Structure formats: C-alpha cells, structure tokens
Amino acid sequence: MSTGAASVLAWTGAATTMVASLSLLGTGVIAQSRAATAADLASLAGADAVAVAHGHPCAVAADVAARNDARLLRCEQRHWDVLVTVEVDAAPLPPATARSRAGPGPAELP
C-alpha cells in the first residue's frame, strides 16, 4: 500500500470516528432535552392538579410524563408544590434523567 493510500485510509477512519462521536453526543443532548421537557410538563400538570384539589397529583404527573415518552421515577407533593424526577431512554447511552418543581409563587398562595 502506498503512503498516499494509507494517509487517505487514516483520515477516513479518523473522520468516521469523529462523526460517530458527534452522533452519540447529539443523542445524549437530545435525550437530556426531552427529559427536561417531560419533567417540566409533569410537574406543571401535578401542580395544576393540586390547585384544583385533585386527589392524586402524582398520577396526573405520571400520565403526562408517559405521554412525553418518559417514566416518572419520583413524585412528591410538598404543600402546594409538586417535585418530579423523570427518565428518558437514550439508547445506546444510559437513560437521561431530569428533575423539576412547580407550584404557585409566594404571592399566589391561598
């Protein structure tokens, strides 16, 4: 094999490795963004359920998380606030998780 062909082969291998790495990085960033969105929506739905005196705000939060292709890992109601942790599949990477809290502002409390 000539030196020119070896150089082209080496550069092709390096470029392929770089593209694969960037693809994995993009997958991770997108999964983290999806997890953050699902967590925000789930906590807002749960807080809304608390505001209208729904008996199970965490069930509402779980439903919203599922509709956003996420799993509700943890849900806690603290007074008027709802705190959630969700997980989104990021295959082939580990799952992406995000947390969120929603509730009325201090001036809005009854």
N, C-alpha and C. Protein backbone atom coordinates (compact mmCIF):
# COMPACT_ATOMS: atom_id res chain seq x y z
N MET A 1 0.86 -1.17 0.00
CA MET A 1 0.00 0.00 0.00
C MET A 1 0.90 1.23 0.00
N SER A 2 0.57 2.19 -0.81
CA SER A 2 1.40 3.39 -0.89
C SER A 2 1.10 4.32 0.28
N THR A 3 1.98 5.27 0.49
CA THR A 3 1.84 6.21 1.59
C THR A 3 0.58 7.06 1.41
N GLY A 4 0.27 7.43 0.18
CA GLY A 4 -0.93 8.23 -0.08
C GLY A 4 -2.20 7.49 0.27
N ALA A 5 -2.26 6.22 -0.08
CA ALA A 5 -3.45 5.42 0.23
C ALA A 5 -3.59 5.22 1.73
N ALA A 6 -2.47 5.03 2.41
CA ALA A 6 -2.50 4.87 3.88
C ALA A 6 -2.97 6.15 4.55
N SER A 7 -2.57 7.28 4.03
CA SER A 7 -3.00 8.56 4.60
C SER A 7 -4.50 8.75 4.43
N VAL A 8 -4.99 8.43 3.23
CA VAL A 8 -6.43 8.56 2.98
C VAL A 8 -7.21 7.63 3.90
N LEU A 9 -6.72 6.41 4.07
CA LEU A 9 -7.38 5.45 4.94
C LEU A 9 -7.38 5.93 6.39
N ALA A 10 -6.26 6.50 6.84
CA ALA A 10 -6.17 7.01 8.21
C ALA A 10 -7.13 8.18 8.42
N TRP A 11 -7.18 9.10 7.46
CA TRP A 11 -8.08 10.24 7.57
C TRP A 11 -9.55 9.81 7.52
N THR A 12 -9.85 8.82 6.70
CA THR A 12 -11.22 8.31 6.62
C THR A 12 -11.63 7.68 7.95
N GLY A 13 -10.72 6.92 8.55
CA GLY A 13 -11.00 6.32 9.86
C GLY A 13 -11.20 7.37 10.94
N ALA A 14 -10.37 8.41 10.91
CA ALA A 14 -10.49 9.48 11.90
C ALA A 14 -11.81 10.24 11.72
N ALA A 15 -12.18 10.50 10.48
CA ALA A 15 -13.42 11.22 10.21
C ALA A 15 -14.63 10.38 10.63
N THR A 16 -14.58 9.09 10.38
CA THR A 16 -15.68 8.19 10.76
C THR A 16 -15.83 8.16 12.28
N THR A 17 -14.72 8.09 12.98
CA THR A 17 -14.74 8.10 14.45
C THR A 17 -15.32 9.41 14.97
N MET A 18 -14.96 10.52 14.36
CA MET A 18 -15.45 11.84 14.78
C MET A 18 -16.96 11.94 14.55
N VAL A 19 -17.43 11.47 13.41
CA VAL A 19 -18.87 11.53 13.11
C VAL A 19 -19.65 10.65 14.10
N ALA A 20 -19.13 9.48 14.40
CA ALA A 20 -19.79 8.59 15.36
C ALA A 20 -19.83 9.23 16.75
N SER A 21 -18.75 9.86 17.15
CA SER A 21 -18.71 10.53 18.46
C SER A 21 -19.71 11.67 18.53
N LEU A 22 -19.76 12.47 17.49
CA LEU A 22 -20.71 13.58 17.47
C LEU A 22 -22.15 13.09 17.45
N SER A 23 -22.39 11.97 16.79
CA SER A 23 -23.73 11.38 16.77
C SER A 23 -24.14 10.95 18.17
N LEU A 24 -23.24 10.32 18.91
CA LEU A 24 -23.55 9.92 20.29
C LEU A 24 -23.78 11.13 21.17
N LEU A 25 -22.96 12.16 20.99
CA LEU A 25 -23.12 13.38 21.77
C LEU A 25 -24.49 14.00 21.49
N GLY A 26 -24.87 14.04 20.21
CA GLY A 26 -26.18 14.58 19.85
C GLY A 26 -27.31 13.78 20.45
N THR A 27 -27.18 12.46 20.46
CA THR A 27 -28.19 11.60 21.06
C THR A 27 -28.36 11.93 22.54
N GLY A 28 -27.25 12.12 23.23
CA GLY A 28 -27.30 12.44 24.65
C GLY A 28 -27.93 13.80 24.91
N VAL A 29 -27.58 14.78 24.11
CA VAL A 29 -28.13 16.13 24.28
C VAL A 29 -29.63 16.14 24.02
N ILE A 30 -30.06 15.45 22.98
CA ILE A 30 -31.49 15.40 22.66
C ILE A 30 -32.26 14.67 23.77
N ALA A 31 -31.70 13.57 24.27
CA ALA A 31 -32.36 12.82 25.34
C ALA A 31 -32.48 13.67 26.61
N GLN A 32 -31.44 14.43 26.93
CA GLN A 32 -31.48 15.28 28.12
C GLN A 32 -32.53 16.37 27.95
N SER A 33 -32.64 16.92 26.77
CA SER A 33 -33.64 17.94 26.49
C SER A 33 -35.05 17.37 26.60
N ARG A 34 -35.25 16.16 26.06
CA ARG A 34 -36.56 15.51 26.17
C ARG A 34 -36.92 15.23 27.62
N ALA A 35 -35.93 14.81 28.42
CA ALA A 35 -36.17 14.54 29.83
C ALA A 35 -36.55 15.82 30.58
N ALA A 36 -35.85 16.91 30.30
CA ALA A 36 -36.14 18.18 30.96
C ALA A 36 -37.54 18.67 30.61
N THR A 37 -37.91 18.54 29.35
CA THR A 37 -39.25 18.95 28.92
C THR A 37 -40.32 18.10 29.59
N ALA A 38 -40.13 16.80 29.61
CA ALA A 38 -41.10 15.90 30.24
C ALA A 38 -41.22 16.19 31.73
N ALA A 39 -40.11 16.46 32.39
CA ALA A 39 -40.15 16.77 33.83
C ALA A 39 -40.89 18.07 34.09
N ASP A 40 -40.62 19.09 33.29
CA ASP A 40 -41.32 20.37 33.46
C ASP A 40 -42.82 20.21 33.26
N LEU A 41 -43.20 19.53 32.20
CA LEU A 41 -44.63 19.34 31.93
C LEU A 41 -45.31 18.51 33.01
N ALA A 42 -44.62 17.48 33.49
CA ALA A 42 -45.20 16.63 34.53
C ALA A 42 -45.39 17.40 35.84
N SER A 43 -44.40 18.19 36.22
CA SER A 43 -44.53 18.94 37.47
C SER A 43 -45.60 20.02 37.35
N LEU A 44 -45.70 20.66 36.19
CA LEU A 44 -46.75 21.66 36.00
C LEU A 44 -48.13 21.03 36.05
N ALA A 45 -48.29 19.87 35.43
CA ALA A 45 -49.58 19.17 35.48
C ALA A 45 -49.92 18.75 36.90
N GLY A 46 -48.92 18.27 37.64
CA GLY A 46 -49.16 17.89 39.02
C GLY A 46 -49.54 19.08 39.88
N ALA A 47 -48.85 20.21 39.69
CA ALA A 47 -49.17 21.42 40.46
C ALA A 47 -50.56 21.93 40.10
N ASP A 48 -50.93 21.82 38.84
CA ASP A 48 -52.27 22.22 38.43
C ASP A 48 -53.31 21.34 39.10
N ALA A 49 -53.00 20.05 39.21
CA ALA A 49 -53.92 19.12 39.87
C ALA A 49 -54.07 19.48 41.35
N VAL A 50 -52.97 19.88 41.99
CA VAL A 50 -53.03 20.31 43.39
C VAL A 50 -53.92 21.55 43.51
N ALA A 51 -53.76 22.48 42.58
CA ALA A 51 -54.50 23.75 42.62
C ALA A 51 -56.00 23.54 42.51
N VAL A 52 -56.43 22.49 41.80
CA VAL A 52 -57.88 22.24 41.65
C VAL A 52 -58.35 21.14 42.60
N ALA A 53 -57.51 20.82 43.59
CA ALA A 53 -57.84 19.84 44.63
C ALA A 53 -58.06 18.44 44.08
N HIS A 54 -57.31 18.07 43.08
CA HIS A 54 -57.35 16.69 42.55
C HIS A 54 -56.72 15.78 43.60
N GLY A 55 -57.28 14.63 43.80
CA GLY A 55 -56.82 13.73 44.86
C GLY A 55 -55.48 13.06 44.60
N HIS A 56 -55.04 12.99 43.35
CA HIS A 56 -53.82 12.26 43.03
C HIS A 56 -52.95 13.03 42.04
N PRO A 57 -52.28 14.10 42.49
CA PRO A 57 -51.47 14.89 41.55
C PRO A 57 -50.31 14.10 40.94
N CYS A 58 -49.78 13.14 41.66
CA CYS A 58 -48.67 12.34 41.11
C CYS A 58 -49.15 11.40 40.01
N ALA A 59 -50.39 10.96 40.08
CA ALA A 59 -50.94 10.15 38.98
C ALA A 59 -51.08 11.00 37.72
N VAL A 60 -51.47 12.24 37.89
CA VAL A 60 -51.57 13.16 36.76
C VAL A 60 -50.18 13.41 36.18
N ALA A 61 -49.20 13.62 37.06
CA ALA A 61 -47.82 13.84 36.61
C ALA A 61 -47.28 12.62 35.87
N ALA A 62 -47.60 11.42 36.36
CA ALA A 62 -47.14 10.19 35.71
C ALA A 62 -47.75 10.05 34.32
N ASP A 63 -49.02 10.41 34.19
CA ASP A 63 -49.68 10.33 32.89
C ASP A 63 -49.04 11.29 31.89
N VAL A 64 -48.76 12.50 32.33
CA VAL A 64 -48.14 13.49 31.44
C VAL A 64 -46.72 13.05 31.06
N ALA A 65 -45.98 12.50 32.01
CA ALA A 65 -44.63 12.00 31.69
C ALA A 65 -44.71 10.89 30.65
N ALA A 66 -45.64 9.97 30.83
CA ALA A 66 -45.79 8.85 29.88
C ALA A 66 -46.17 9.35 28.49
N ARG A 67 -47.00 10.38 28.42
CA ARG A 67 -47.38 10.94 27.12
C ARG A 67 -46.20 11.61 26.42
N ASN A 68 -45.16 11.91 27.18
CA ASN A 68 -43.95 12.50 26.62
C ASN A 68 -42.82 11.48 26.54
N ASP A 69 -43.18 10.20 26.49
CA ASP A 69 -42.21 9.10 26.36
C ASP A 69 -41.16 9.11 27.47
N ALA A 70 -41.60 9.40 28.69
CA ALA A 70 -40.72 9.39 29.86
C ALA A 70 -41.36 8.54 30.95
N ARG A 71 -40.53 8.10 31.88
CA ARG A 71 -41.00 7.34 33.04
C ARG A 71 -40.86 8.22 34.27
N LEU A 72 -41.92 8.28 35.06
CA LEU A 72 -41.88 9.03 36.31
C LEU A 72 -41.16 8.17 37.34
N LEU A 73 -39.99 8.61 37.78
CA LEU A 73 -39.23 7.86 38.77
C LEU A 73 -39.60 8.24 40.19
N ARG A 74 -39.93 9.51 40.38
CA ARG A 74 -40.21 10.01 41.73
C ARG A 74 -41.18 11.18 41.62
N CYS A 75 -42.11 11.21 42.54
CA CYS A 75 -43.06 12.33 42.60
C CYS A 75 -43.37 12.60 44.07
N GLU A 76 -43.31 13.85 44.43
CA GLU A 76 -43.57 14.23 45.82
C GLU A 76 -44.35 15.54 45.85
N GLN A 77 -45.39 15.56 46.66
CA GLN A 77 -46.14 16.79 46.87
C GLN A 77 -45.68 17.40 48.18
N ARG A 78 -45.19 18.62 48.11
CA ARG A 78 -44.80 19.37 49.30
C ARG A 78 -45.69 20.61 49.36
N HIS A 79 -46.64 20.55 50.25
CA HIS A 79 -47.63 21.62 50.38
C HIS A 79 -48.29 21.86 49.02
N TRP A 80 -48.02 23.01 48.39
CA TRP A 80 -48.62 23.36 47.11
C TRP A 80 -47.72 23.02 45.92
N ASP A 81 -46.51 22.57 46.19
CA ASP A 81 -45.55 22.27 45.13
C ASP A 81 -45.55 20.78 44.79
N VAL A 82 -45.20 20.48 43.56
CA VAL A 82 -45.02 19.09 43.12
C VAL A 82 -43.61 18.98 42.56
N LEU A 83 -42.85 18.01 43.08
CA LEU A 83 -41.48 17.75 42.65
C LEU A 83 -41.44 16.40 41.94
N VAL A 84 -40.86 16.35 40.76
CA VAL A 84 -40.81 15.11 39.99
C VAL A 84 -39.39 14.85 39.49
N THR A 85 -39.12 13.57 39.25
CA THR A 85 -37.92 13.11 38.57
C THR A 85 -38.37 12.15 37.50
N VAL A 86 -37.92 12.39 36.26
CA VAL A 86 -38.30 11.53 35.15
C VAL A 86 -37.05 10.97 34.47
N GLU A 87 -37.27 9.92 33.69
CA GLU A 87 -36.20 9.26 32.96
C GLU A 87 -36.65 9.03 31.52
N VAL A 88 -35.73 9.27 30.58
CA VAL A 88 -36.00 9.08 29.16
C VAL A 88 -34.94 8.14 28.60
N ASP A 89 -35.36 7.19 27.79
CA ASP A 89 -34.43 6.26 27.16
C ASP A 89 -33.53 7.01 26.19
N ALA A 90 -32.23 6.72 26.24
CA ALA A 90 -31.26 7.38 25.38
C ALA A 90 -30.36 6.37 24.71
N ALA A 91 -30.90 5.19 24.38
CA ALA A 91 -30.09 4.10 23.82
C ALA A 91 -29.26 4.61 22.65
N PRO A 92 -28.02 4.24 22.57
CA PRO A 92 -27.28 3.24 23.32
C PRO A 92 -26.63 3.79 24.59
N LEU A 93 -26.91 5.03 24.92
CA LEU A 93 -26.36 5.64 26.13
C LEU A 93 -27.23 5.30 27.33
N PRO A 94 -26.75 5.56 28.54
CA PRO A 94 -27.60 5.37 29.72
C PRO A 94 -28.80 6.33 29.66
N PRO A 95 -29.89 6.01 30.35
CA PRO A 95 -31.07 6.88 30.33
C PRO A 95 -30.75 8.28 30.84
N ALA A 96 -31.44 9.26 30.29
CA ALA A 96 -31.29 10.65 30.73
C ALA A 96 -32.36 10.93 31.78
N THR A 97 -31.97 11.61 32.85
CA THR A 97 -32.93 11.95 33.89
C THR A 97 -32.98 13.47 34.06
N ALA A 98 -34.11 13.93 34.58
CA ALA A 98 -34.27 15.35 34.87
C ALA A 98 -35.24 15.51 36.03
N ARG A 99 -35.07 16.61 36.76
CA ARG A 99 -35.95 16.93 37.88
C ARG A 99 -36.61 18.28 37.63
N SER A 100 -37.79 18.44 38.20
CA SER A 100 -38.50 19.71 38.07
C SER A 100 -39.40 19.92 39.27
N ARG A 101 -39.69 21.17 39.54
CA ARG A 101 -40.56 21.55 40.64
C ARG A 101 -41.51 22.62 40.13
N ALA A 102 -42.77 22.50 40.47
CA ALA A 102 -43.75 23.51 40.06
C ALA A 102 -44.76 23.73 41.18
N GLY A 103 -45.24 24.92 41.24
CA GLY A 103 -46.23 25.30 42.24
C GLY A 103 -46.47 26.78 42.15
N PRO A 104 -47.40 27.30 42.91
CA PRO A 104 -47.69 28.73 42.85
C PRO A 104 -46.54 29.56 43.43
N GLY A 105 -46.42 30.77 42.93
CA GLY A 105 -45.44 31.69 43.50
C GLY A 105 -45.87 32.14 44.88
N PRO A 106 -44.97 32.71 45.67
CA PRO A 106 -45.32 33.11 47.05
C PRO A 106 -46.52 34.05 47.14
N ALA A 107 -46.69 34.91 46.16
CA ALA A 107 -47.82 35.86 46.19
C ALA A 107 -49.14 35.18 45.83
N GLU A 108 -49.07 34.01 45.22
CA GLU A 108 -50.26 33.32 44.76
C GLU A 108 -50.82 32.31 45.74
N LEU A 109 -50.14 32.09 46.86
CA LEU A 109 -50.59 31.10 47.84
C LEU A 109 -51.89 31.57 48.50
N PRO A 110 -52.77 30.61 48.80
CA PRO A 110 -54.04 30.99 49.44
C PRO A 110 -53.82 31.48 50.85
